[in-house]
Structures are given as structure tokens and as C-alpha cells.
Amino acid sequence: MSIDAIKDAIRDIPDFPKPGILFKDITPLLADPTLFGRTIDMLAERVGAHDPAGIVAIESRGFLFGAPVASKLGIPLQLARKPGKLPYKTVGVTYDLEYGSDRMELHTDAIEAGASYAVIDDLIATGGTAAATADLIELQRGRVACCAFVIELSFLGGVQRLGSRPIESLIRY
């Protein structure tokens, strides 16, 4: 099963969530157990090559890919979430959006100092959320092994916000 089969399962939705946006809908990929399983295998292979001690999955679609990759690699999963979503004490990073700002948080005990973590999300667009999550890992004295995505919208330049951190993208548009 090839990358092309996975790419073919991703549906374009024009003007969602607002006019001018071409949304990449992963629900058909999730609905196909064979394709979804192959996607997880490919992500696990690429992420595993960086030998992370854990996965940090980004809210919310990143959880769909981060959890099975962590399980497959036999490493812990941590969740990066928006403010007020985590039940324990948190540490956070605020980052700029095109219009305004947002914030990502982790539990204060999520990152082991000196350990390396792979950041996983379904898609990277402008890179703000992924960069904030990577910064949050480093703020807690962890290292970023890599940042992995099913989809990279390369024309938006999001990977540049990640600096020299290793990037793994299965599909690039």
C-alpha cells in the first residue's frame, strides 16, 4: 500500500471552515482500517528512526495518530492541549496567530528532563501549534527528536517555524 493510496483517501473540502480555505479531510482515511493501519505503520517507522523516549500528540486530531504510534513503539504518550483541557497542573506557551494568539499546555510532569520526544499531529499548516508544542518540550528541558505529520501544507511554510528540528511528513501538498 503506497503513499498515493493514503493521499487519495484524503478529501478536499473547499471553503471550510471559512471561504478561501481548502480543508484536508482525513475522515475517509480514518474510516478505512487498512489505510489507517498503513498510515500508522509508516508514521511509526519514520518516528521510530529518531528513537524518541515518548510521543507528544497535539490536540485533537494528533491524538488519533499519536496514540497508536506510541503504542506500536512501546513508548509513553503525552497530550498537548489548549488551555483548561488538562486536569492536572500545567505549563504552557503562548504563540502568535495571524490574528491574535493561542496557547498550548502540557502537564507539569509530562516531560522528563533530557529525554527526547516526537511531536505528532495530523497536519502542519502555518506551524504555530507544532512550534509551540516543541518549544514547550524544550522549556521543560526535554529534547525534540522529530516532528511528524500525516500532511504537510508546504506552500504555507509551517516547517520553517520549527527551525532545525527534524521533520517527517508522509504527504506534502
Protein backbone atom coordinates (compact mmCIF):
# COMPACT_ATOMS: atom_id res chain seq x y z
CA MET A 1 0.00 0.00 0.00
CA SER A 2 1.50 3.29 -1.09
CA ILE A 3 1.52 6.91 -0.02
CA ASP A 4 -0.63 7.60 -3.10
CA ALA A 5 -3.43 5.39 -1.72
CA ILE A 6 -3.35 7.32 1.55
CA LYS A 7 -3.27 10.63 -0.32
CA ASP A 8 -6.23 9.53 -2.45
CA ALA A 9 -8.26 8.89 0.72
CA ILE A 10 -7.85 12.48 1.92
CA ARG A 11 -10.80 14.54 0.75
CA ASP A 12 -10.66 18.24 -0.18
CA ILE A 13 -13.45 20.38 1.23
CA PRO A 14 -13.47 23.87 -0.33
CA ASP A 15 -14.37 26.91 1.77
CA PHE A 16 -14.29 25.09 5.11
CA PRO A 17 -14.26 26.33 7.83
CA LYS A 18 -14.39 29.67 6.02
CA PRO A 19 -14.25 30.96 2.44
CA GLY A 20 -10.86 30.61 0.77
CA ILE A 21 -9.71 27.61 2.85
CA LEU A 22 -9.26 24.21 1.20
CA PHE A 23 -9.70 21.81 4.13
CA LYS A 24 -7.93 18.43 4.03
CA ASP A 25 -10.49 15.98 5.46
CA ILE A 26 -8.89 12.87 6.98
CA THR A 27 -12.18 11.17 7.94
CA PRO A 28 -12.19 8.89 4.85
CA LEU A 29 -8.66 7.77 5.80
CA LEU A 30 -9.82 7.04 9.36
CA ALA A 31 -12.81 5.10 8.02
CA ASP A 32 -10.59 2.69 6.08
CA PRO A 33 -8.94 0.35 8.62
CA THR A 34 -6.35 -0.90 6.12
CA LEU A 35 -5.26 2.58 5.03
CA PHE A 36 -5.34 3.94 8.57
CA GLY A 37 -3.25 0.99 9.78
CA ARG A 38 -0.73 1.54 6.98
CA THR A 39 -0.55 5.25 7.86
CA ILE A 40 0.22 4.35 11.49
CA ASP A 41 2.86 1.84 10.35
CA MET A 42 4.55 4.48 8.16
CA LEU A 43 4.47 7.11 10.90
CA ALA A 44 5.81 4.64 13.47
CA GLU A 45 8.64 3.64 11.13
CA ARG A 46 9.67 7.24 10.49
CA VAL A 47 9.26 8.38 14.10
CA GLY A 48 10.97 5.26 15.45
CA ALA A 49 14.06 6.03 13.37
CA HIS A 50 14.57 9.09 15.62
CA ASP A 51 14.46 6.90 18.76
CA PRO A 52 12.16 9.07 20.90
CA ALA A 53 11.53 8.25 24.55
CA GLY A 54 7.91 9.40 24.18
CA ILE A 55 5.28 10.97 21.95
CA VAL A 56 3.61 14.34 22.46
CA ALA A 57 0.40 14.39 20.42
CA ILE A 58 -1.27 17.70 19.58
CA GLU A 59 -4.97 18.30 20.26
CA SER A 60 -7.13 16.91 18.81
CA ARG A 61 -6.54 15.09 15.56
CA GLY A 62 -2.93 14.47 16.54
CA PHE A 63 -4.28 12.18 19.28
CA LEU A 64 -5.71 9.89 16.57
CA PHE A 65 -2.23 9.27 15.19
CA GLY A 66 -0.06 9.78 18.26
CA ALA A 67 -1.77 7.17 20.44
CA PRO A 68 -1.38 4.21 18.05
CA VAL A 69 2.18 5.25 17.14
CA ALA A 70 3.13 5.40 20.84
CA SER A 71 1.52 2.01 21.41
CA LYS A 72 3.26 0.49 18.39
CA LEU A 73 6.65 1.85 19.52
CA GLY A 74 6.02 0.90 23.17
CA ILE A 75 6.66 4.42 24.47
CA PRO A 76 4.62 6.86 26.59
CA LEU A 77 2.08 9.28 25.13
CA GLN A 78 1.63 12.82 26.43
CA LEU A 79 -1.07 15.26 25.32
CA ALA A 80 -0.55 18.87 24.23
CA ARG A 81 -3.83 20.71 24.68
CA LYS A 82 -5.45 24.12 24.63
CA PRO A 83 -5.88 25.92 27.99
CA GLY A 84 -8.27 24.43 30.53
CA LYS A 85 -8.38 20.95 28.96
CA LEU A 86 -5.83 19.11 31.12
CA PRO A 87 -6.87 18.07 34.64
CA TYR A 88 -3.51 18.32 36.45
CA LYS A 89 -1.10 21.25 36.93
CA THR A 90 0.09 22.60 33.59
CA VAL A 91 2.85 24.60 31.96
CA GLY A 92 2.11 26.46 28.76
CA VAL A 93 3.44 28.51 25.87
CA THR A 94 1.54 31.32 24.18
CA TYR A 95 2.13 31.77 20.46
CA ASP A 96 1.04 34.20 17.78
CA LEU A 97 -1.59 33.51 15.19
CA GLU A 98 -2.31 35.55 12.07
CA TYR A 99 -4.93 37.45 14.09
CA GLY A 100 -4.32 37.15 17.84
CA SER A 101 -2.68 34.44 19.90
CA ASP A 102 -3.27 30.98 21.32
CA ARG A 103 -1.72 28.74 23.94
CA MET A 104 -0.64 25.10 24.24
CA GLU A 105 -0.21 23.31 27.56
CA LEU A 106 1.26 20.10 28.95
CA HIS A 107 1.07 18.59 32.40
CA THR A 108 3.98 19.75 34.53
CA ASP A 109 5.16 16.15 34.91
CA ALA A 110 4.77 15.17 31.22
CA ILE A 111 8.36 15.74 30.10
CA GLU A 112 11.40 14.05 31.58
CA ALA A 113 14.43 16.36 31.50
CA GLY A 114 16.96 15.18 28.93
CA ALA A 115 14.56 12.73 27.25
CA SER A 116 13.62 13.08 23.59
CA TYR A 117 10.04 13.32 22.30
CA ALA A 118 8.38 13.13 18.91
CA VAL A 119 5.67 15.71 18.28
CA ILE A 120 2.80 14.25 16.23
CA ASP A 121 -0.14 15.95 14.54
CA ASP A 122 -2.32 15.15 11.57
CA LEU A 123 -1.32 18.26 9.61
CA ILE A 124 1.11 21.16 9.63
CA ALA A 125 -0.06 24.38 8.02
CA THR A 126 1.48 27.60 9.35
CA GLY A 127 3.35 25.71 12.08
CA GLY A 128 2.37 27.77 15.11
CA THR A 129 0.87 24.94 17.15
CA ALA A 130 3.66 22.48 16.33
CA ALA A 131 6.36 25.06 17.11
CA ALA A 132 4.68 25.99 20.41
CA THR A 133 4.47 22.30 21.37
CA ALA A 134 8.15 21.75 20.51
CA ASP A 135 9.06 24.89 22.49
CA LEU A 136 7.06 23.56 25.43
CA ILE A 137 9.03 20.30 25.42
CA GLU A 138 12.30 22.23 25.39
CA LEU A 139 11.06 24.63 28.08
CA GLN A 140 10.74 21.59 30.34
CA ARG A 141 14.31 20.56 29.42
CA GLY A 142 13.28 17.76 27.07
CA ARG A 143 14.54 17.38 23.51
CA VAL A 144 12.55 17.20 20.29
CA ALA A 145 13.50 14.01 18.43
CA CYS A 146 11.32 14.95 15.45
CA CYS A 147 8.02 16.49 14.44
CA ALA A 148 5.82 14.12 12.40
CA PHE A 149 2.73 14.85 10.34
CA VAL A 150 0.48 12.89 8.03
CA ILE A 151 0.01 16.02 5.88
CA GLU A 152 2.29 19.00 5.27
CA LEU A 153 0.87 22.04 3.51
CA SER A 154 4.32 23.09 2.30
CA PHE A 155 3.07 26.20 0.49
CA LEU A 156 2.24 27.71 3.91
CA GLY A 157 5.83 27.37 5.18
CA GLY A 158 4.96 25.91 8.58
CA VAL A 159 8.05 23.72 8.80
CA GLN A 160 10.23 26.85 8.78
CA ARG A 161 8.76 27.77 12.18
CA LEU A 162 10.19 24.51 13.52
CA GLY A 163 13.75 25.62 12.78
CA SER A 164 16.33 22.84 12.57
CA ARG A 165 14.13 20.23 14.28
CA PRO A 166 13.81 17.06 12.16
CA ILE A 167 10.54 16.86 10.18
CA GLU A 168 8.73 13.74 8.98
CA SER A 169 5.75 14.34 6.66
CA LEU A 170 4.06 11.48 4.84
CA ILE A 171 2.24 13.64 2.30
CA ARG A 172 3.15 17.11 1.03
CA TYR A 173 0.89 19.49 -0.85
